[in-house]
N, C-alpha and C. Protein backbone atom coordinates (compact mmCIF):
# COMPACT_ATOMS: atom_id res chain seq x y z
N MET A 1 108.03 118.34 97.55
CA MET A 1 107.95 118.40 99.01
C MET A 1 109.26 117.89 99.62
N GLN A 2 109.85 118.67 100.52
CA GLN A 2 111.07 118.27 101.18
C GLN A 2 110.77 117.39 102.41
N TYR A 3 111.71 116.51 102.69
CA TYR A 3 111.55 115.59 103.82
C TYR A 3 112.59 115.90 104.90
N VAL A 4 112.19 115.73 106.13
CA VAL A 4 113.10 115.85 107.27
C VAL A 4 113.30 114.45 107.83
N THR A 5 114.55 114.06 107.97
CA THR A 5 114.85 112.71 108.46
C THR A 5 114.93 112.68 109.98
N ILE A 6 114.20 111.76 110.56
CA ILE A 6 114.24 111.54 112.01
C ILE A 6 115.35 110.54 112.32
N LYS A 7 116.24 110.91 113.20
CA LYS A 7 117.35 110.03 113.56
C LYS A 7 117.14 109.47 114.96
N LYS A 8 117.27 108.17 115.07
CA LYS A 8 117.15 107.53 116.39
C LYS A 8 118.53 107.35 116.98
N GLU A 9 118.67 107.71 118.27
CA GLU A 9 119.98 107.65 118.92
C GLU A 9 119.84 107.09 120.33
N VAL A 10 120.80 106.33 120.74
CA VAL A 10 120.82 105.78 122.10
C VAL A 10 121.87 106.53 122.91
N LYS A 11 121.46 107.16 123.99
CA LYS A 11 122.39 107.92 124.82
C LYS A 11 123.35 106.97 125.55
N LYS A 12 124.63 107.25 125.44
CA LYS A 12 125.62 106.38 126.04
C LYS A 12 125.56 106.39 127.57
N GLU A 13 125.18 107.52 128.13
CA GLU A 13 125.22 107.64 129.58
C GLU A 13 124.13 106.83 130.29
N ASN A 14 122.97 106.65 129.62
CA ASN A 14 121.88 105.93 130.30
C ASN A 14 121.16 104.92 129.42
N GLY A 15 121.57 104.78 128.18
CA GLY A 15 120.95 103.80 127.29
C GLY A 15 119.56 104.20 126.81
N LYS A 16 119.16 105.43 127.07
CA LYS A 16 117.82 105.89 126.70
C LYS A 16 117.76 106.20 125.20
N VAL A 17 116.67 105.78 124.56
CA VAL A 17 116.47 106.06 123.14
C VAL A 17 115.82 107.43 122.97
N VAL A 18 116.40 108.26 122.10
CA VAL A 18 115.83 109.57 121.79
C VAL A 18 115.74 109.70 120.28
N TYR A 19 114.92 110.65 119.84
CA TYR A 19 114.73 110.89 118.41
C TYR A 19 115.14 112.32 118.10
N LEU A 20 116.06 112.46 117.15
CA LEU A 20 116.62 113.77 116.80
C LEU A 20 116.02 114.27 115.49
N VAL A 21 115.67 115.56 115.48
CA VAL A 21 115.11 116.20 114.29
C VAL A 21 115.95 117.43 113.96
N PRO A 22 116.49 117.52 112.73
CA PRO A 22 117.24 118.71 112.34
C PRO A 22 116.41 119.97 112.51
N ALA A 23 117.03 121.01 113.06
CA ALA A 23 116.28 122.25 113.32
C ALA A 23 117.05 123.46 112.81
N LEU A 24 116.32 124.41 112.31
CA LEU A 24 116.89 125.67 111.83
C LEU A 24 116.59 126.75 112.86
N THR A 25 117.62 127.48 113.26
CA THR A 25 117.45 128.53 114.27
C THR A 25 117.15 129.86 113.59
N LEU A 26 116.05 130.47 113.96
CA LEU A 26 115.66 131.77 113.41
C LEU A 26 116.04 132.85 114.41
N LYS A 27 116.67 133.91 113.92
CA LYS A 27 117.12 135.00 114.80
C LYS A 27 116.46 136.31 114.40
N ASN A 28 116.40 137.23 115.35
CA ASN A 28 115.85 138.55 115.04
C ASN A 28 116.96 139.46 114.51
N SER A 29 116.63 140.71 114.26
CA SER A 29 117.61 141.64 113.67
C SER A 29 118.80 141.90 114.58
N GLN A 30 118.63 141.65 115.89
CA GLN A 30 119.75 141.83 116.82
C GLN A 30 120.63 140.58 116.94
N GLY A 31 120.24 139.56 116.22
CA GLY A 31 121.03 138.33 116.25
C GLY A 31 120.65 137.40 117.39
N ASP A 32 119.59 137.74 118.11
CA ASP A 32 119.14 136.88 119.20
C ASP A 32 118.25 135.76 118.65
N THR A 33 118.33 134.61 119.28
CA THR A 33 117.52 133.49 118.84
C THR A 33 116.04 133.78 119.09
N LYS A 34 115.24 133.65 118.05
CA LYS A 34 113.81 133.88 118.16
C LYS A 34 113.06 132.57 118.35
N GLN A 35 113.36 131.59 117.50
CA GLN A 35 112.75 130.28 117.64
C GLN A 35 113.51 129.27 116.78
N LYS A 36 113.22 128.00 117.02
CA LYS A 36 113.78 126.93 116.21
C LYS A 36 112.62 126.19 115.56
N ILE A 37 112.83 125.79 114.31
CA ILE A 37 111.82 125.00 113.62
C ILE A 37 112.50 123.80 112.97
N ALA A 38 111.75 122.71 112.86
CA ALA A 38 112.27 121.54 112.16
C ALA A 38 112.48 121.91 110.70
N HIS A 39 113.66 121.53 110.17
CA HIS A 39 113.99 121.92 108.79
C HIS A 39 115.04 120.97 108.24
N PRO A 40 114.91 120.53 106.98
CA PRO A 40 115.88 119.59 106.41
C PRO A 40 117.30 120.15 106.32
N LEU A 41 117.44 121.48 106.31
CA LEU A 41 118.76 122.10 106.22
C LEU A 41 119.28 122.58 107.57
N GLY A 42 118.59 122.21 108.63
CA GLY A 42 118.97 122.69 109.96
C GLY A 42 120.32 122.17 110.42
N ASN A 43 121.07 123.03 111.12
CA ASN A 43 122.37 122.62 111.66
C ASN A 43 122.31 122.45 113.18
N ASP A 44 121.09 122.47 113.72
CA ASP A 44 120.85 122.22 115.13
C ASP A 44 119.87 121.05 115.22
N TYR A 45 119.52 120.65 116.45
CA TYR A 45 118.61 119.51 116.59
C TYR A 45 117.58 119.74 117.68
N PHE A 46 116.36 119.20 117.46
CA PHE A 46 115.41 118.97 118.53
C PHE A 46 115.63 117.55 119.02
N GLU A 47 115.39 117.33 120.30
CA GLU A 47 115.51 115.98 120.85
C GLU A 47 114.18 115.60 121.49
N PHE A 48 113.63 114.46 121.08
CA PHE A 48 112.33 114.02 121.58
C PHE A 48 112.43 112.61 122.16
N GLU A 49 111.53 112.31 123.09
CA GLU A 49 111.54 110.99 123.71
C GLU A 49 110.73 109.97 122.92
N SER A 50 109.88 110.42 122.01
CA SER A 50 109.09 109.49 121.20
C SER A 50 109.11 109.93 119.75
N VAL A 51 108.92 108.96 118.86
CA VAL A 51 108.91 109.28 117.43
C VAL A 51 107.67 110.10 117.08
N GLU A 52 106.57 109.92 117.84
CA GLU A 52 105.36 110.71 117.58
C GLU A 52 105.62 112.21 117.78
N GLU A 53 106.35 112.54 118.85
CA GLU A 53 106.67 113.96 119.11
C GLU A 53 107.55 114.52 117.99
N ALA A 54 108.48 113.69 117.52
CA ALA A 54 109.37 114.13 116.43
C ALA A 54 108.56 114.39 115.16
N ILE A 55 107.65 113.48 114.85
CA ILE A 55 106.81 113.63 113.66
C ILE A 55 105.97 114.90 113.76
N LYS A 56 105.40 115.14 114.94
CA LYS A 56 104.53 116.31 115.10
C LYS A 56 105.31 117.61 114.88
N SER A 57 106.55 117.68 115.36
CA SER A 57 107.35 118.90 115.19
C SER A 57 107.63 119.17 113.72
N ILE A 58 107.84 118.08 112.95
CA ILE A 58 108.11 118.22 111.52
C ILE A 58 106.86 118.67 110.79
N GLU A 59 105.75 118.06 111.11
CA GLU A 59 104.50 118.41 110.42
C GLU A 59 104.07 119.85 110.74
N LEU A 60 104.35 120.31 111.95
CA LEU A 60 104.02 121.69 112.31
C LEU A 60 104.85 122.68 111.50
N SER A 61 106.02 122.24 111.04
CA SER A 61 106.88 123.11 110.22
C SER A 61 106.53 123.03 108.74
N GLY A 62 105.58 122.17 108.41
CA GLY A 62 105.12 122.09 107.03
C GLY A 62 105.88 121.12 106.15
N PHE A 63 106.69 120.24 106.75
CA PHE A 63 107.46 119.28 105.98
C PHE A 63 106.91 117.87 106.18
N LYS A 64 107.35 116.96 105.31
CA LYS A 64 107.09 115.55 105.50
C LYS A 64 108.32 114.94 106.17
N TYR A 65 108.17 113.72 106.65
CA TYR A 65 109.25 113.11 107.42
C TYR A 65 109.66 111.75 106.86
N ILE A 66 110.89 111.38 107.22
CA ILE A 66 111.40 110.04 106.94
C ILE A 66 111.72 109.40 108.28
N LEU A 67 111.17 108.22 108.51
CA LEU A 67 111.36 107.53 109.78
C LEU A 67 112.80 107.04 109.93
N PRO A 68 113.22 106.72 111.17
CA PRO A 68 114.60 106.29 111.40
C PRO A 68 115.03 105.09 110.56
N ASP A 69 114.08 104.23 110.17
CA ASP A 69 114.44 103.06 109.37
C ASP A 69 114.50 103.37 107.88
N GLY A 70 114.34 104.66 107.53
CA GLY A 70 114.45 105.07 106.13
C GLY A 70 113.15 105.07 105.36
N THR A 71 112.06 104.66 105.97
CA THR A 71 110.78 104.62 105.27
C THR A 71 110.04 105.95 105.40
N LYS A 72 109.27 106.26 104.36
CA LYS A 72 108.46 107.46 104.37
C LYS A 72 107.06 107.10 104.85
N PRO A 73 106.31 108.08 105.36
CA PRO A 73 104.96 107.77 105.87
C PRO A 73 104.06 107.31 104.75
N LEU A 74 103.13 106.42 105.11
CA LEU A 74 102.12 106.03 104.14
C LEU A 74 101.22 107.23 103.91
N ASP A 75 101.13 107.67 102.69
CA ASP A 75 100.33 108.86 102.39
C ASP A 75 99.60 108.65 101.08
N PHE A 76 98.33 108.40 101.17
CA PHE A 76 97.54 108.18 99.98
C PHE A 76 97.03 109.49 99.40
N LYS A 77 97.38 110.62 100.01
CA LYS A 77 96.82 111.88 99.58
C LYS A 77 97.69 112.60 98.56
N GLU A 78 98.94 112.16 98.36
CA GLU A 78 99.82 112.85 97.44
C GLU A 78 99.25 112.79 96.04
N ASN A 79 99.19 113.94 95.39
CA ASN A 79 98.74 114.06 94.01
C ASN A 79 97.28 113.60 93.81
N ILE A 80 96.50 113.59 94.88
CA ILE A 80 95.10 113.19 94.78
C ILE A 80 94.25 114.28 95.41
N SER A 81 93.28 114.78 94.68
CA SER A 81 92.41 115.79 95.26
C SER A 81 91.46 115.14 96.24
N LYS A 82 91.00 115.90 97.21
CA LYS A 82 90.13 115.34 98.24
C LYS A 82 88.86 114.76 97.62
N GLU A 83 88.37 115.39 96.56
CA GLU A 83 87.13 114.96 95.95
C GLU A 83 87.27 113.60 95.28
N SER A 84 88.52 113.24 94.87
CA SER A 84 88.70 112.00 94.12
C SER A 84 89.11 110.82 95.01
N LEU A 85 89.19 111.03 96.31
CA LEU A 85 89.58 109.96 97.20
C LEU A 85 88.50 108.87 97.24
N THR A 86 88.96 107.61 97.22
CA THR A 86 88.03 106.50 97.39
C THR A 86 87.75 106.32 98.87
N PHE A 87 86.75 105.50 99.19
CA PHE A 87 86.46 105.23 100.60
C PHE A 87 87.67 104.57 101.26
N GLU A 88 88.34 103.69 100.52
CA GLU A 88 89.53 103.02 101.07
C GLU A 88 90.59 104.04 101.46
N GLU A 89 90.87 104.97 100.56
CA GLU A 89 91.88 105.99 100.83
C GLU A 89 91.47 106.90 101.99
N MET A 90 90.20 107.23 102.05
CA MET A 90 89.71 108.07 103.13
C MET A 90 89.88 107.39 104.49
N VAL A 91 89.56 106.09 104.54
CA VAL A 91 89.68 105.34 105.79
C VAL A 91 91.15 105.21 106.19
N TYR A 92 92.00 104.82 105.24
CA TYR A 92 93.43 104.68 105.54
C TYR A 92 94.01 106.00 106.04
N ASN A 93 93.71 107.07 105.34
CA ASN A 93 94.25 108.38 105.72
C ASN A 93 93.83 108.76 107.14
N ALA A 94 92.55 108.55 107.43
CA ALA A 94 92.02 108.94 108.74
C ALA A 94 92.66 108.13 109.86
N LEU A 95 92.77 106.81 109.66
CA LEU A 95 93.31 105.95 110.71
C LEU A 95 94.81 106.15 110.89
N ILE A 96 95.54 106.27 109.79
CA ILE A 96 96.98 106.47 109.89
C ILE A 96 97.29 107.80 110.58
N GLU A 97 96.50 108.81 110.29
CA GLU A 97 96.68 110.10 110.95
C GLU A 97 96.54 109.97 112.46
N LYS A 98 95.62 109.12 112.92
CA LYS A 98 95.39 108.96 114.36
C LYS A 98 96.49 108.16 115.05
N THR A 99 97.33 107.47 114.28
CA THR A 99 98.47 106.78 114.90
C THR A 99 99.54 107.78 115.33
N LYS A 100 99.37 109.05 114.95
CA LYS A 100 100.32 110.10 115.34
C LYS A 100 99.79 110.92 116.51
N ASP A 101 98.62 110.56 117.01
CA ASP A 101 97.99 111.33 118.08
C ASP A 101 98.84 111.30 119.35
N ILE A 102 98.75 112.35 120.16
CA ILE A 102 99.53 112.41 121.40
C ILE A 102 98.92 111.56 122.50
N ASN A 103 97.66 111.14 122.32
CA ASN A 103 96.98 110.30 123.31
C ASN A 103 97.22 108.83 122.98
N SER A 104 97.78 108.10 123.92
CA SER A 104 98.15 106.70 123.66
C SER A 104 96.92 105.82 123.40
N SER A 105 95.80 106.11 124.03
CA SER A 105 94.59 105.32 123.81
C SER A 105 94.09 105.48 122.38
N VAL A 106 94.18 106.70 121.87
CA VAL A 106 93.77 106.96 120.49
C VAL A 106 94.69 106.21 119.52
N VAL A 107 95.99 106.27 119.77
CA VAL A 107 96.97 105.58 118.92
C VAL A 107 96.70 104.07 118.92
N SER A 108 96.49 103.52 120.12
CA SER A 108 96.23 102.09 120.25
C SER A 108 94.98 101.68 119.48
N ALA A 109 93.93 102.48 119.59
CA ALA A 109 92.68 102.18 118.88
C ALA A 109 92.88 102.25 117.37
N ALA A 110 93.65 103.23 116.91
CA ALA A 110 93.90 103.38 115.47
C ALA A 110 94.67 102.18 114.93
N ILE A 111 95.66 101.72 115.69
CA ILE A 111 96.44 100.56 115.27
C ILE A 111 95.56 99.31 115.21
N SER A 112 94.70 99.15 116.21
CA SER A 112 93.77 98.01 116.22
C SER A 112 92.86 98.04 115.00
N ALA A 113 92.37 99.23 114.67
CA ALA A 113 91.49 99.37 113.51
C ALA A 113 92.25 99.06 112.22
N LEU A 114 93.47 99.55 112.11
CA LEU A 114 94.28 99.26 110.92
C LEU A 114 94.60 97.76 110.83
N GLY A 115 94.76 97.12 111.98
CA GLY A 115 95.01 95.69 111.98
C GLY A 115 93.86 94.91 111.37
N GLU A 116 92.66 95.43 111.49
CA GLU A 116 91.49 94.76 110.91
C GLU A 116 91.54 94.74 109.39
N LEU A 117 92.36 95.61 108.79
CA LEU A 117 92.42 95.71 107.34
C LEU A 117 93.29 94.62 106.72
N SER A 118 94.14 93.97 107.55
CA SER A 118 95.00 92.87 107.09
C SER A 118 95.80 93.26 105.84
N ASP A 119 96.38 94.44 105.87
CA ASP A 119 97.14 94.96 104.73
C ASP A 119 98.63 94.87 105.03
N ILE A 120 99.36 94.08 104.24
CA ILE A 120 100.78 93.87 104.47
C ILE A 120 101.58 95.17 104.36
N LYS A 121 101.04 96.17 103.64
CA LYS A 121 101.74 97.45 103.51
C LYS A 121 101.85 98.17 104.85
N LEU A 122 101.00 97.78 105.80
CA LEU A 122 101.01 98.43 107.11
C LEU A 122 101.97 97.76 108.09
N LEU A 123 102.62 96.69 107.66
CA LEU A 123 103.47 95.93 108.57
C LEU A 123 104.59 96.78 109.17
N ASP A 124 105.22 97.62 108.36
CA ASP A 124 106.30 98.47 108.87
C ASP A 124 105.80 99.41 109.97
N LEU A 125 104.59 99.91 109.79
CA LEU A 125 104.00 100.79 110.80
C LEU A 125 103.81 100.03 112.11
N PHE A 126 103.29 98.81 112.03
CA PHE A 126 103.07 98.00 113.24
C PHE A 126 104.39 97.66 113.92
N ILE A 127 105.41 97.32 113.12
CA ILE A 127 106.73 97.00 113.67
C ILE A 127 107.29 98.21 114.41
N ASP A 128 107.13 99.38 113.81
CA ASP A 128 107.63 100.60 114.45
C ASP A 128 106.91 100.87 115.77
N LYS A 129 105.60 100.72 115.77
CA LYS A 129 104.80 101.05 116.95
C LYS A 129 104.99 100.05 118.08
N MET A 130 105.42 98.83 117.77
CA MET A 130 105.59 97.86 118.86
C MET A 130 106.84 98.17 119.69
N GLY A 131 107.57 99.20 119.31
CA GLY A 131 108.72 99.63 120.10
C GLY A 131 108.41 100.79 121.03
N GLU A 132 107.12 101.18 121.11
CA GLU A 132 106.73 102.30 121.95
C GLU A 132 106.76 101.93 123.43
N ASP A 133 106.91 102.92 124.28
CA ASP A 133 106.94 102.69 125.73
C ASP A 133 105.57 102.31 126.27
N ASN A 134 104.51 102.75 125.61
CA ASN A 134 103.16 102.49 126.10
C ASN A 134 102.75 101.05 125.82
N GLU A 135 102.31 100.35 126.86
CA GLU A 135 101.98 98.93 126.72
C GLU A 135 100.78 98.69 125.80
N ALA A 136 99.77 99.55 125.89
CA ALA A 136 98.57 99.37 125.05
C ALA A 136 98.92 99.49 123.57
N ILE A 137 99.79 100.43 123.24
CA ILE A 137 100.21 100.60 121.84
C ILE A 137 101.00 99.38 121.38
N ARG A 138 101.88 98.89 122.24
CA ARG A 138 102.68 97.70 121.88
C ARG A 138 101.76 96.49 121.67
N THR A 139 100.81 96.31 122.57
CA THR A 139 99.91 95.16 122.48
C THR A 139 99.07 95.21 121.21
N SER A 140 98.55 96.38 120.90
CA SER A 140 97.75 96.54 119.68
C SER A 140 98.60 96.26 118.44
N SER A 141 99.84 96.70 118.47
CA SER A 141 100.74 96.50 117.33
C SER A 141 101.06 95.02 117.14
N ILE A 142 101.35 94.33 118.23
CA ILE A 142 101.63 92.90 118.15
C ILE A 142 100.41 92.15 117.64
N ASN A 143 99.24 92.48 118.17
CA ASN A 143 98.00 91.84 117.72
C ASN A 143 97.76 92.06 116.24
N ALA A 144 98.13 93.25 115.75
CA ALA A 144 97.94 93.56 114.33
C ALA A 144 98.90 92.78 113.44
N ILE A 145 100.06 92.41 113.98
CA ILE A 145 101.07 91.68 113.22
C ILE A 145 100.74 90.20 113.11
N LEU A 146 100.17 89.63 114.15
CA LEU A 146 99.97 88.18 114.24
C LEU A 146 99.26 87.55 113.04
N PRO A 147 98.21 88.16 112.49
CA PRO A 147 97.52 87.51 111.36
C PRO A 147 98.40 87.30 110.13
N PHE A 148 99.49 88.05 110.02
CA PHE A 148 100.36 87.89 108.86
C PHE A 148 101.19 86.61 108.91
N GLY A 149 101.34 86.03 110.11
CA GLY A 149 102.05 84.77 110.25
C GLY A 149 103.44 84.80 109.64
N ASN A 150 103.75 83.80 108.81
CA ASN A 150 105.08 83.69 108.21
C ASN A 150 105.49 84.90 107.39
N SER A 151 104.50 85.61 106.84
CA SER A 151 104.80 86.78 106.01
C SER A 151 105.47 87.90 106.80
N SER A 152 105.32 87.88 108.12
CA SER A 152 105.89 88.94 108.95
C SER A 152 107.20 88.53 109.62
N VAL A 153 107.58 87.24 109.49
CA VAL A 153 108.73 86.75 110.25
C VAL A 153 110.03 87.45 109.86
N LYS A 154 110.22 87.70 108.58
CA LYS A 154 111.45 88.37 108.15
C LYS A 154 111.61 89.73 108.84
N LYS A 155 110.53 90.49 108.89
CA LYS A 155 110.56 91.81 109.54
C LYS A 155 110.78 91.68 111.04
N LEU A 156 110.16 90.67 111.65
CA LEU A 156 110.33 90.46 113.09
C LEU A 156 111.76 90.06 113.42
N LEU A 157 112.37 89.24 112.59
CA LEU A 157 113.76 88.85 112.82
C LEU A 157 114.69 90.06 112.66
N GLN A 158 114.36 90.95 111.74
CA GLN A 158 115.13 92.19 111.60
C GLN A 158 114.99 93.05 112.86
N ALA A 159 113.77 93.05 113.42
CA ALA A 159 113.51 93.84 114.64
C ALA A 159 114.30 93.31 115.83
N LEU A 160 114.70 92.03 115.79
CA LEU A 160 115.51 91.48 116.88
C LEU A 160 116.88 92.14 116.96
N LYS A 161 117.28 92.83 115.90
CA LYS A 161 118.58 93.51 115.86
C LYS A 161 118.44 95.01 116.14
N ASP A 162 117.21 95.46 116.40
CA ASP A 162 116.97 96.88 116.62
C ASP A 162 117.67 97.35 117.89
N GLU A 163 118.12 98.60 117.90
CA GLU A 163 118.81 99.12 119.09
C GLU A 163 117.84 99.41 120.24
N ASN A 164 116.56 99.48 119.94
CA ASN A 164 115.53 99.69 120.96
C ASN A 164 115.18 98.34 121.58
N TRP A 165 115.52 98.14 122.85
CA TRP A 165 115.29 96.84 123.49
C TRP A 165 113.80 96.53 123.60
N VAL A 166 112.97 97.56 123.71
CA VAL A 166 111.52 97.34 123.79
C VAL A 166 111.03 96.71 122.48
N ARG A 167 111.52 97.20 121.35
CA ARG A 167 111.11 96.63 120.06
C ARG A 167 111.64 95.19 119.92
N ARG A 168 112.85 94.94 120.38
CA ARG A 168 113.39 93.58 120.33
C ARG A 168 112.52 92.63 121.15
N ASN A 169 112.15 93.08 122.34
CA ASN A 169 111.35 92.24 123.22
C ASN A 169 109.95 92.02 122.64
N SER A 170 109.38 93.06 122.05
CA SER A 170 108.05 92.93 121.45
C SER A 170 108.08 91.95 120.28
N ALA A 171 109.17 91.97 119.51
CA ALA A 171 109.30 91.03 118.40
C ALA A 171 109.33 89.60 118.91
N LEU A 172 110.00 89.39 120.02
CA LEU A 172 110.05 88.05 120.61
C LEU A 172 108.66 87.61 121.09
N ILE A 173 107.93 88.53 121.68
CA ILE A 173 106.58 88.22 122.15
C ILE A 173 105.68 87.85 120.97
N ALA A 174 105.81 88.61 119.87
CA ALA A 174 105.02 88.31 118.67
C ALA A 174 105.36 86.92 118.14
N ILE A 175 106.65 86.59 118.13
CA ILE A 175 107.08 85.27 117.64
C ILE A 175 106.55 84.18 118.56
N GLN A 176 106.60 84.41 119.87
CA GLN A 176 106.06 83.44 120.82
C GLN A 176 104.59 83.13 120.51
N ARG A 177 103.83 84.18 120.27
CA ARG A 177 102.39 83.99 120.04
C ARG A 177 102.13 83.30 118.71
N MET A 178 102.98 83.52 117.73
CA MET A 178 102.85 82.80 116.46
C MET A 178 103.16 81.32 116.63
N ILE A 179 104.15 81.04 117.47
CA ILE A 179 104.47 79.64 117.75
C ILE A 179 103.29 78.98 118.45
N ASP A 180 102.71 79.67 119.42
CA ASP A 180 101.56 79.13 120.15
C ASP A 180 100.39 78.83 119.21
N SER A 181 100.22 79.68 118.19
CA SER A 181 99.11 79.49 117.24
C SER A 181 99.51 78.59 116.07
N GLU A 182 100.76 78.11 116.10
CA GLU A 182 101.29 77.21 115.06
C GLU A 182 101.18 77.83 113.67
N SER A 183 101.48 79.13 113.58
CA SER A 183 101.36 79.84 112.31
C SER A 183 102.71 80.28 111.76
N VAL A 184 103.79 79.61 112.20
CA VAL A 184 105.12 80.03 111.78
C VAL A 184 106.00 78.81 111.56
N ASN A 185 106.94 78.94 110.61
CA ASN A 185 107.93 77.90 110.36
C ASN A 185 109.06 78.09 111.38
N VAL A 186 109.12 77.21 112.38
CA VAL A 186 110.05 77.44 113.49
C VAL A 186 111.51 77.17 113.11
N GLU A 187 111.76 76.40 112.07
CA GLU A 187 113.14 76.06 111.74
C GLU A 187 113.98 77.29 111.41
N ARG A 188 113.35 78.31 110.85
CA ARG A 188 114.08 79.53 110.51
C ARG A 188 114.34 80.40 111.74
N LEU A 189 113.78 80.01 112.89
CA LEU A 189 113.91 80.82 114.10
C LEU A 189 115.10 80.43 114.97
N PHE A 190 115.56 79.19 114.86
CA PHE A 190 116.53 78.69 115.84
C PHE A 190 117.82 79.52 115.90
N GLU A 191 118.45 79.76 114.78
CA GLU A 191 119.72 80.50 114.79
C GLU A 191 119.55 81.92 115.34
N PRO A 192 118.53 82.70 114.86
CA PRO A 192 118.35 84.05 115.42
C PRO A 192 118.05 84.03 116.92
N LEU A 193 117.26 83.05 117.37
CA LEU A 193 116.92 83.00 118.79
C LEU A 193 118.12 82.62 119.65
N ILE A 194 118.93 81.70 119.18
CA ILE A 194 120.14 81.33 119.92
C ILE A 194 121.07 82.55 120.02
N GLU A 195 121.14 83.33 118.95
CA GLU A 195 121.96 84.55 118.97
C GLU A 195 121.42 85.54 119.99
N MET A 196 120.09 85.59 120.16
CA MET A 196 119.47 86.52 121.09
C MET A 196 119.78 86.18 122.55
N LEU A 197 120.24 84.99 122.81
CA LEU A 197 120.60 84.62 124.18
C LEU A 197 121.81 85.41 124.67
N LYS A 198 122.48 86.10 123.74
CA LYS A 198 123.63 86.95 124.10
C LYS A 198 123.22 88.39 124.34
N ASP A 199 121.93 88.69 124.20
CA ASP A 199 121.47 90.08 124.31
C ASP A 199 121.87 90.68 125.65
N GLY A 200 122.24 91.95 125.63
CA GLY A 200 122.69 92.62 126.84
C GLY A 200 121.59 93.02 127.79
N ASN A 201 120.35 92.96 127.33
CA ASN A 201 119.21 93.33 128.18
C ASN A 201 118.61 92.07 128.80
N THR A 202 118.50 92.05 130.11
CA THR A 202 118.02 90.86 130.81
C THR A 202 116.60 90.49 130.42
N ILE A 203 115.73 91.49 130.25
CA ILE A 203 114.34 91.21 129.87
C ILE A 203 114.29 90.55 128.50
N VAL A 204 115.05 91.09 127.56
CA VAL A 204 115.08 90.54 126.21
C VAL A 204 115.66 89.13 126.22
N LYS A 205 116.72 88.96 126.98
CA LYS A 205 117.36 87.63 127.07
C LYS A 205 116.39 86.60 127.63
N THR A 206 115.64 86.99 128.66
CA THR A 206 114.66 86.08 129.25
C THR A 206 113.58 85.71 128.24
N SER A 207 113.10 86.70 127.48
CA SER A 207 112.10 86.43 126.45
C SER A 207 112.65 85.50 125.38
N ALA A 208 113.93 85.69 125.03
CA ALA A 208 114.55 84.85 124.01
C ALA A 208 114.62 83.40 124.47
N ILE A 209 114.94 83.20 125.74
CA ILE A 209 115.01 81.84 126.30
C ILE A 209 113.65 81.16 126.21
N ILE A 210 112.60 81.88 126.62
CA ILE A 210 111.23 81.33 126.58
C ILE A 210 110.83 81.02 125.13
N THR A 211 111.14 81.95 124.22
CA THR A 211 110.77 81.78 122.81
C THR A 211 111.49 80.59 122.20
N LEU A 212 112.77 80.43 122.52
CA LEU A 212 113.53 79.30 121.99
C LEU A 212 112.95 77.97 122.48
N GLY A 213 112.57 77.93 123.76
CA GLY A 213 111.96 76.72 124.30
C GLY A 213 110.66 76.38 123.60
N LYS A 214 109.82 77.39 123.36
CA LYS A 214 108.56 77.18 122.67
C LYS A 214 108.80 76.69 121.24
N ALA A 215 109.79 77.29 120.59
CA ALA A 215 110.09 76.93 119.20
C ALA A 215 110.52 75.47 119.09
N TYR A 216 111.37 75.04 120.01
CA TYR A 216 111.86 73.66 119.95
C TYR A 216 110.75 72.67 120.31
N LYS A 217 109.91 73.04 121.26
CA LYS A 217 108.78 72.18 121.63
C LYS A 217 107.86 71.96 120.43
N PHE A 218 107.58 73.05 119.71
CA PHE A 218 106.72 72.96 118.53
C PHE A 218 107.40 72.13 117.44
N TYR A 219 108.70 72.32 117.29
CA TYR A 219 109.48 71.56 116.30
C TYR A 219 109.39 70.06 116.59
N LYS A 220 109.56 69.70 117.86
CA LYS A 220 109.49 68.28 118.26
C LYS A 220 108.09 67.73 118.00
N LYS A 221 107.08 68.54 118.28
CA LYS A 221 105.70 68.12 118.06
C LYS A 221 105.46 67.79 116.59
N GLN A 222 106.00 68.67 115.71
CA GLN A 222 105.84 68.45 114.27
C GLN A 222 106.56 67.16 113.83
N LYS A 223 107.76 66.96 114.35
CA LYS A 223 108.54 65.78 113.97
C LYS A 223 107.84 64.50 114.44
N ASP A 224 107.34 64.53 115.65
CA ASP A 224 106.68 63.35 116.21
C ASP A 224 105.40 63.00 115.44
N SER A 225 104.74 64.05 114.91
CA SER A 225 103.46 63.81 114.23
C SER A 225 103.62 63.13 112.88
N VAL A 226 104.82 63.20 112.30
CA VAL A 226 105.03 62.59 110.98
C VAL A 226 105.67 61.20 111.08
N ARG A 227 105.94 60.76 112.28
CA ARG A 227 106.53 59.42 112.44
C ARG A 227 105.47 58.33 112.32
């Protein structure tokens, strides 16, 4: 099975994030363009405003996709006949498929349901979805990440460097909530958070300031408790 790579790009003119999918142009016998389809060998591009739209265009062309971060979709169906699927595989397949739905409420519900599974393999999916424009999807994704606590911090710190400011801000919100629940080692947060105070986005910078304050308050609380 061939894969089509989704490329994430930030437009210089307005800072808007778009997702590019290689496309192959099909022409008729007169040489006129008939249609474009997503294709790994395409020398043209589709441009989409969301990764879900990019994924859908690839799947409609019969290919699998590689996300902008280089990861492939979770797919428990490869090399497994439908009859041999376990209940676990059936549930995962069904819920993951619904995270690609065009309806944001459906996506949000699917992420919430996947969060109930407490499976660390789903962390990359939650990190990706917390960068969506839809608030319900972001909230569900953050809620799904929180139970992982320290196990998710490395990924969240990586997300602080993402070119999508929404994902950076969501990562900060997730870290804030972990600090509030005292489920994170705050000492590893100080340097990344101080670096985030230089962020070019005012919303992200404001979140970083609040998160740093919370982290230091929790740190002082821990120190005082051992005296």
